[in-house]
Amino acid sequence: MTSPLDGTPPSPRDRLLDTLERLLAIQEPQLRPALAEACKMVADVLGADKLDIFLYEAPTQTLVAFGTSETPMGIRQRAIGLHRQPLVNGGAAATVFQTGRAHRTGRADLDPEQIQGLVGALGVRSELDVPLDVQGERRGVIHAASANVDAFSEDDLAFLSAVATWIGMVTHRAELVEQLAVEAERRGSRRAADELSRLTPRQREIAAAIASGSTNEEIAEMLVLTPGTVANHIERIMRRLELKNRTQVAVWATERGLYRSDQLADDADLADEP
C-alpha cells in the first residue's frame, strides 16, 4: 500500500485508518466468512504468510481458527490440524490468551516454548500474537506468522493490537446476526407448531390431501368419509386458519411439512410394487 500521490509508503496512522475502514465495510453476515475476509485483508497489509483469528472453545479449552488467510501456510496449517491449539499444549497464542499480553518474535525457531509444529511443519520464524476481546470479554487471539526472520516490527505489533479491537466488533456483529437468525427460526417453528395445533389430526390429513391435488371425493374415498364430511372439515380448516380457499390451504400444508411434492412419486412407486 503506497501513497496515491508520490508512491511513498503510507504512515502507520494512514495504514491503520485504511485497514479499519475496510474492516468496517465487511458485509458478510456469517461469522466464519466474515473472519476469513478480515484475515485476508490484515495479512495483506502486514505481508504475513498466514494470519489466524483464533476463538476460544470453552468445552475443549482449545483455540480454534475461525478465520485463516487462504495462503499456502494457512492451507498447510489446516491440513495438519494446527488450526486447533489446545491451551494445555502451550505456545505463544495460548500464553497471550491467558495473560492478555501481546507477543512478538523474529526467531520462533529459537523459542523452546514454541509449538514445534508451527516451527517445523509450517516453517514459522516470525510471529505476532495479540489478545482478541469481544464486548469486553477475552474471546481469542489474533496470530500473524511469517517464514522470514525478523519480519515484523514493533509498529506492526501496535498495528495488529489496534486492529484487534475492530475485528472484535466484526466478530460481535456477525455473532449477533447469527443469533438473530436462529431466534427468528425458533420463533417461526413455534408459530408453525401453534398453527398446526389449531387443527385436529383428521383435519391435518385433509389439508395434506388438498395439497396433493385430491378432490373432495378422492379424499373421502381415501379416508373413508363422505364427501359432505370432507367439505365440513375443509370449511373448519379455512375458518381456523383464516384462509380463503383451497389453494391457500395447499400452500399452508406444504410450507408446514404436511405434504411434500415428492410424496406422489413415492406413493406411486409403492403402488407399483407387487
Protein backbone atom coordinates (compact mmCIF):
# COMPACT_ATOMS: atom_id res chain seq x y z
CA MET A 1 0.00 0.00 0.00
CA THR A 2 1.53 3.30 -1.11
CA SER A 3 0.54 6.92 -1.17
CA PRO A 4 -1.58 7.68 -4.25
CA LEU A 5 0.34 10.92 -4.78
CA ASP A 6 4.04 10.13 -4.68
CA GLY A 7 4.32 6.35 -4.26
CA THR A 8 5.86 6.58 -0.78
CA PRO A 9 4.84 4.03 1.89
CA PRO A 10 1.87 5.19 3.98
CA SER A 11 2.41 6.35 7.53
CA PRO A 12 1.43 3.95 10.34
CA ARG A 13 -1.62 6.12 11.03
CA ASP A 14 -2.71 6.04 7.37
CA ARG A 15 -2.18 2.28 7.21
CA LEU A 16 -4.29 1.77 10.32
CA LEU A 17 -7.12 4.08 9.23
CA ASP A 18 -7.30 2.49 5.79
CA THR A 19 -7.47 -1.00 7.30
CA LEU A 20 -10.12 -0.03 9.85
CA GLU A 21 -12.28 1.47 7.12
CA ARG A 22 -12.02 -1.73 5.09
CA LEU A 23 -12.80 -3.90 8.12
CA LEU A 24 -15.92 -1.90 8.89
CA ALA A 25 -17.01 -2.28 5.27
CA ILE A 26 -17.20 -6.09 5.57
CA GLN A 27 -20.82 -7.00 4.79
CA GLU A 28 -20.64 -10.79 5.22
CA PRO A 29 -23.25 -11.65 7.90
CA GLN A 30 -21.90 -15.09 8.87
CA LEU A 31 -19.06 -15.38 11.35
CA ARG A 32 -16.57 -17.66 9.60
CA PRO A 33 -16.73 -15.95 6.18
CA ALA A 34 -16.53 -12.52 7.87
CA LEU A 35 -13.41 -13.51 9.82
CA ALA A 36 -11.84 -15.14 6.74
CA GLU A 37 -12.31 -11.87 4.86
CA ALA A 38 -10.75 -9.93 7.74
CA CYS A 39 -7.81 -12.37 7.82
CA LYS A 40 -7.01 -11.89 4.16
CA MET A 41 -7.22 -8.14 4.49
CA VAL A 42 -4.89 -7.87 7.50
CA ALA A 43 -2.45 -10.49 6.19
CA ASP A 44 -2.04 -8.45 3.01
CA VAL A 45 -1.33 -5.27 4.96
CA LEU A 46 1.26 -6.99 7.18
CA GLY A 47 2.81 -9.01 4.38
CA ALA A 48 2.25 -12.12 6.54
CA ASP A 49 2.42 -15.68 5.26
CA LYS A 50 -0.50 -16.54 7.50
CA LEU A 51 -3.00 -14.76 9.71
CA ASP A 52 -5.43 -16.52 12.05
CA ILE A 53 -8.30 -15.31 14.18
CA PHE A 54 -8.49 -17.88 16.97
CA LEU A 55 -11.62 -18.04 19.13
CA TYR A 56 -11.69 -19.94 22.41
CA GLU A 57 -13.78 -23.13 22.52
CA ALA A 58 -14.57 -23.50 26.21
CA PRO A 59 -15.76 -27.16 26.32
CA THR A 60 -12.42 -28.36 24.90
CA GLN A 61 -10.28 -25.49 26.25
CA THR A 62 -8.94 -25.01 22.73
CA LEU A 63 -8.16 -22.04 20.49
CA VAL A 64 -9.87 -22.70 17.16
CA ALA A 65 -9.08 -20.76 13.98
CA PHE A 66 -12.47 -19.43 12.88
CA GLY A 67 -10.68 -17.36 10.25
CA THR A 68 -7.44 -18.18 8.43
CA SER A 69 -5.88 -16.47 5.42
CA GLU A 70 -6.09 -18.56 2.25
CA THR A 71 -2.31 -18.70 1.83
CA PRO A 72 -0.06 -21.76 1.36
CA MET A 73 0.96 -21.64 5.02
CA GLY A 74 -2.66 -21.22 6.14
CA ILE A 75 -3.83 -24.13 3.98
CA ARG A 76 -0.98 -26.30 5.26
CA GLN A 77 -1.88 -25.45 8.85
CA ARG A 78 -5.42 -26.74 8.45
CA ALA A 79 -4.21 -29.88 6.67
CA ILE A 80 -2.01 -30.89 9.62
CA GLY A 81 -4.55 -29.90 12.29
CA LEU A 82 -2.81 -26.85 13.75
CA HIS A 83 -5.95 -24.76 13.26
CA ARG A 84 -6.88 -26.20 16.68
CA GLN A 85 -4.49 -25.41 19.54
CA PRO A 86 -5.41 -26.79 22.99
CA LEU A 87 -4.28 -24.47 25.77
CA VAL A 88 -2.63 -27.39 27.52
CA ASN A 89 -0.14 -27.63 24.64
CA GLY A 90 1.21 -24.18 25.46
CA GLY A 91 2.73 -21.91 22.82
CA ALA A 92 2.65 -18.17 22.32
CA ALA A 93 -1.04 -17.94 21.37
CA ALA A 94 -2.12 -19.84 24.50
CA THR A 95 0.04 -17.61 26.71
CA VAL A 96 -1.33 -14.43 25.13
CA PHE A 97 -4.90 -15.67 25.59
CA GLN A 98 -4.28 -16.45 29.26
CA THR A 99 -2.28 -13.34 30.16
CA GLY A 100 -3.66 -10.72 27.78
CA ARG A 101 -0.11 -9.58 26.93
CA ALA A 102 0.81 -9.22 23.25
CA HIS A 103 3.80 -11.15 21.89
CA ARG A 104 6.34 -10.62 19.09
CA THR A 105 9.30 -12.72 18.00
CA GLY A 106 11.56 -12.78 14.97
CA ARG A 107 13.12 -16.17 15.80
CA ALA A 108 10.35 -18.55 16.79
CA ASP A 109 12.69 -21.43 15.99
CA LEU A 110 14.85 -20.45 18.98
CA ASP A 111 11.95 -20.34 21.45
CA PRO A 112 11.81 -23.59 23.49
CA GLU A 113 8.19 -22.91 24.47
CA GLN A 114 7.02 -22.59 20.88
CA ILE A 115 4.68 -25.23 19.40
CA GLN A 116 7.09 -27.32 17.36
CA GLY A 117 4.59 -27.97 14.58
CA LEU A 118 4.49 -24.25 13.82
CA VAL A 119 8.28 -24.10 13.54
CA GLY A 120 9.00 -27.46 11.94
CA ALA A 121 5.96 -28.25 9.78
CA LEU A 122 4.96 -24.69 8.84
CA GLY A 123 8.36 -23.02 8.94
CA VAL A 124 7.25 -20.11 11.11
CA ARG A 125 10.10 -17.80 12.10
CA SER A 126 8.39 -14.50 12.91
CA GLU A 127 5.18 -14.26 14.89
CA LEU A 128 2.77 -11.70 16.31
CA ASP A 129 0.06 -12.62 18.80
CA VAL A 130 -2.43 -10.16 20.30
CA PRO A 131 -5.46 -10.80 22.53
CA LEU A 132 -8.90 -10.57 20.97
CA ASP A 133 -11.69 -9.18 23.16
CA VAL A 134 -15.36 -9.06 22.16
CA GLN A 135 -17.66 -6.80 24.18
CA GLY A 136 -15.09 -6.62 26.98
CA GLU A 137 -14.65 -10.40 27.23
CA ARG A 138 -11.47 -12.28 26.25
CA ARG A 139 -12.53 -14.42 23.32
CA GLY A 140 -9.39 -15.41 21.48
CA VAL A 141 -6.13 -14.39 19.84
CA ILE A 142 -5.10 -12.86 16.52
CA HIS A 143 -1.96 -14.55 15.21
CA ALA A 144 0.28 -13.40 12.34
CA ALA A 145 3.16 -15.52 11.05
CA SER A 146 5.96 -15.27 8.51
CA ALA A 147 8.60 -17.69 7.26
CA ASN A 148 11.14 -14.86 7.28
CA VAL A 149 13.33 -13.98 10.25
CA ASP A 150 12.55 -10.63 11.93
CA ALA A 151 9.65 -9.96 9.55
CA PHE A 152 7.56 -7.86 11.94
CA SER A 153 8.35 -4.62 13.75
CA GLU A 154 7.04 -3.07 16.95
CA ASP A 155 4.91 -0.84 14.71
CA ASP A 156 3.37 -4.00 13.22
CA LEU A 157 2.57 -5.26 16.72
CA ALA A 158 0.94 -1.95 17.65
CA PHE A 159 -0.97 -2.00 14.37
CA LEU A 160 -2.31 -5.53 14.96
CA SER A 161 -3.26 -4.66 18.55
CA ALA A 162 -5.30 -1.71 17.31
CA VAL A 163 -6.88 -3.77 14.55
CA ALA A 164 -7.90 -6.42 17.12
CA THR A 165 -10.43 -4.01 18.64
CA TRP A 166 -12.16 -3.60 15.30
CA ILE A 167 -12.03 -7.30 14.49
CA GLY A 168 -13.76 -7.76 17.84
CA MET A 169 -16.52 -5.50 16.54
CA VAL A 170 -16.77 -7.50 13.29
CA THR A 171 -16.97 -10.71 15.36
CA HIS A 172 -19.68 -9.31 17.61
CA ARG A 173 -21.71 -8.08 14.65
CA ALA A 174 -21.53 -11.45 12.85
CA GLU A 175 -22.40 -13.38 16.03
CA LEU A 176 -25.34 -11.08 16.68
CA VAL A 177 -26.69 -11.63 13.15
CA GLU A 178 -26.38 -15.40 13.57
CA GLN A 179 -28.14 -15.27 16.95
CA LEU A 180 -30.98 -13.22 15.47
CA ALA A 181 -31.33 -15.69 12.60
CA VAL A 182 -31.51 -18.65 15.00
CA GLU A 183 -34.07 -16.86 17.15
CA ALA A 184 -36.17 -15.97 14.10
CA GLU A 185 -36.12 -19.62 13.00
CA ARG A 186 -37.09 -20.69 16.51
CA ARG A 187 -39.98 -18.24 16.56
CA GLY A 188 -41.06 -19.46 13.14
CA SER A 189 -41.02 -23.07 14.33
CA ARG A 190 -43.08 -22.18 17.39
CA ARG A 191 -45.55 -20.27 15.22
CA ALA A 192 -45.87 -23.22 12.84
CA ALA A 193 -46.44 -25.60 15.77
CA ASP A 194 -49.12 -23.30 17.17
CA GLU A 195 -50.89 -23.22 13.82
CA LEU A 196 -50.72 -26.99 13.46
CA SER A 197 -52.26 -27.38 16.91
CA ARG A 198 -55.34 -25.50 15.72
CA LEU A 199 -56.29 -28.47 13.54
CA THR A 200 -57.28 -31.95 14.56
CA PRO A 201 -55.21 -34.88 13.24
CA ARG A 202 -58.02 -35.62 10.73
CA GLN A 203 -58.02 -32.01 9.53
CA ARG A 204 -54.25 -32.12 9.05
CA GLU A 205 -54.69 -35.25 6.92
CA ILE A 206 -57.28 -33.46 4.80
CA ALA A 207 -55.07 -30.37 4.42
CA ALA A 208 -52.23 -32.59 3.20
CA ALA A 209 -54.58 -34.30 0.76
CA ILE A 210 -55.71 -30.91 -0.59
CA ALA A 211 -52.04 -30.03 -1.15
CA SER A 212 -51.65 -33.24 -3.18
CA GLY A 213 -54.41 -32.04 -5.51
CA SER A 214 -57.07 -34.51 -4.40
CA THR A 215 -60.75 -33.67 -4.84
CA ASN A 216 -63.29 -33.95 -2.02
CA GLU A 217 -64.50 -37.25 -3.47
CA GLU A 218 -60.96 -38.65 -3.64
CA ILE A 219 -60.25 -37.50 -0.07
CA ALA A 220 -63.49 -39.08 1.13
CA GLU A 221 -62.61 -42.41 -0.51
CA MET A 222 -59.05 -42.33 0.86
CA LEU A 223 -60.10 -41.52 4.45
CA VAL A 224 -63.35 -43.50 4.41
CA LEU A 225 -65.56 -40.43 4.86
CA THR A 226 -68.48 -38.96 2.99
CA PRO A 227 -67.82 -36.01 0.62
CA GLY A 228 -70.09 -33.90 2.83
CA THR A 229 -67.98 -34.61 5.91
CA VAL A 230 -64.83 -33.70 3.97
CA ALA A 231 -66.45 -30.42 2.89
CA ASN A 232 -67.33 -29.61 6.51
CA HIS A 233 -63.76 -30.30 7.61
CA ILE A 234 -62.38 -28.05 4.87
CA GLU A 235 -64.70 -25.24 5.95
CA ARG A 236 -63.49 -25.56 9.55
CA ILE A 237 -59.84 -25.65 8.39
CA MET A 238 -60.20 -22.40 6.48
CA ARG A 239 -62.05 -20.75 9.35
CA ARG A 240 -59.49 -21.79 11.98
CA LEU A 241 -56.52 -20.76 9.85
CA GLU A 242 -58.23 -17.65 8.45
CA LEU A 243 -57.69 -18.85 4.88
CA LYS A 244 -59.99 -18.13 1.94
CA ASN A 245 -59.68 -21.03 -0.48
CA ARG A 246 -58.22 -24.49 -1.19
CA THR A 247 -55.13 -23.03 -2.82
CA GLN A 248 -54.19 -21.22 0.37
CA VAL A 249 -54.78 -24.42 2.34
CA ALA A 250 -52.49 -26.32 -0.05
CA VAL A 251 -49.73 -23.72 0.33
CA TRP A 252 -50.11 -23.70 4.11
CA ALA A 253 -49.88 -27.51 4.32
CA THR A 254 -46.80 -27.65 2.09
CA GLU A 255 -44.95 -24.88 3.96
CA ARG A 256 -45.51 -26.67 7.27
CA GLY A 257 -44.31 -30.03 6.07
CA LEU A 258 -47.67 -31.80 5.96
CA TYR A 259 -47.13 -32.55 2.29
CA ARG A 260 -44.01 -32.93 0.15
CA SER A 261 -44.01 -32.62 -3.62
CA ASP A 262 -42.16 -35.95 -3.90
CA GLN A 263 -44.84 -37.84 -1.98
CA LEU A 264 -46.85 -38.59 -5.11
CA ALA A 265 -43.83 -40.26 -6.70
CA ASP A 266 -43.16 -42.24 -3.52
CA ASP A 267 -46.80 -43.32 -3.30
CA ALA A 268 -46.78 -44.29 -6.98
CA ASP A 269 -43.68 -46.40 -6.51
CA LEU A 270 -45.30 -48.22 -3.60
CA ALA A 271 -48.46 -48.80 -5.63
CA ASP A 272 -46.42 -50.35 -8.46
CA GLU A 273 -44.72 -52.84 -6.16
CA PRO A 274 -46.08 -56.39 -6.45
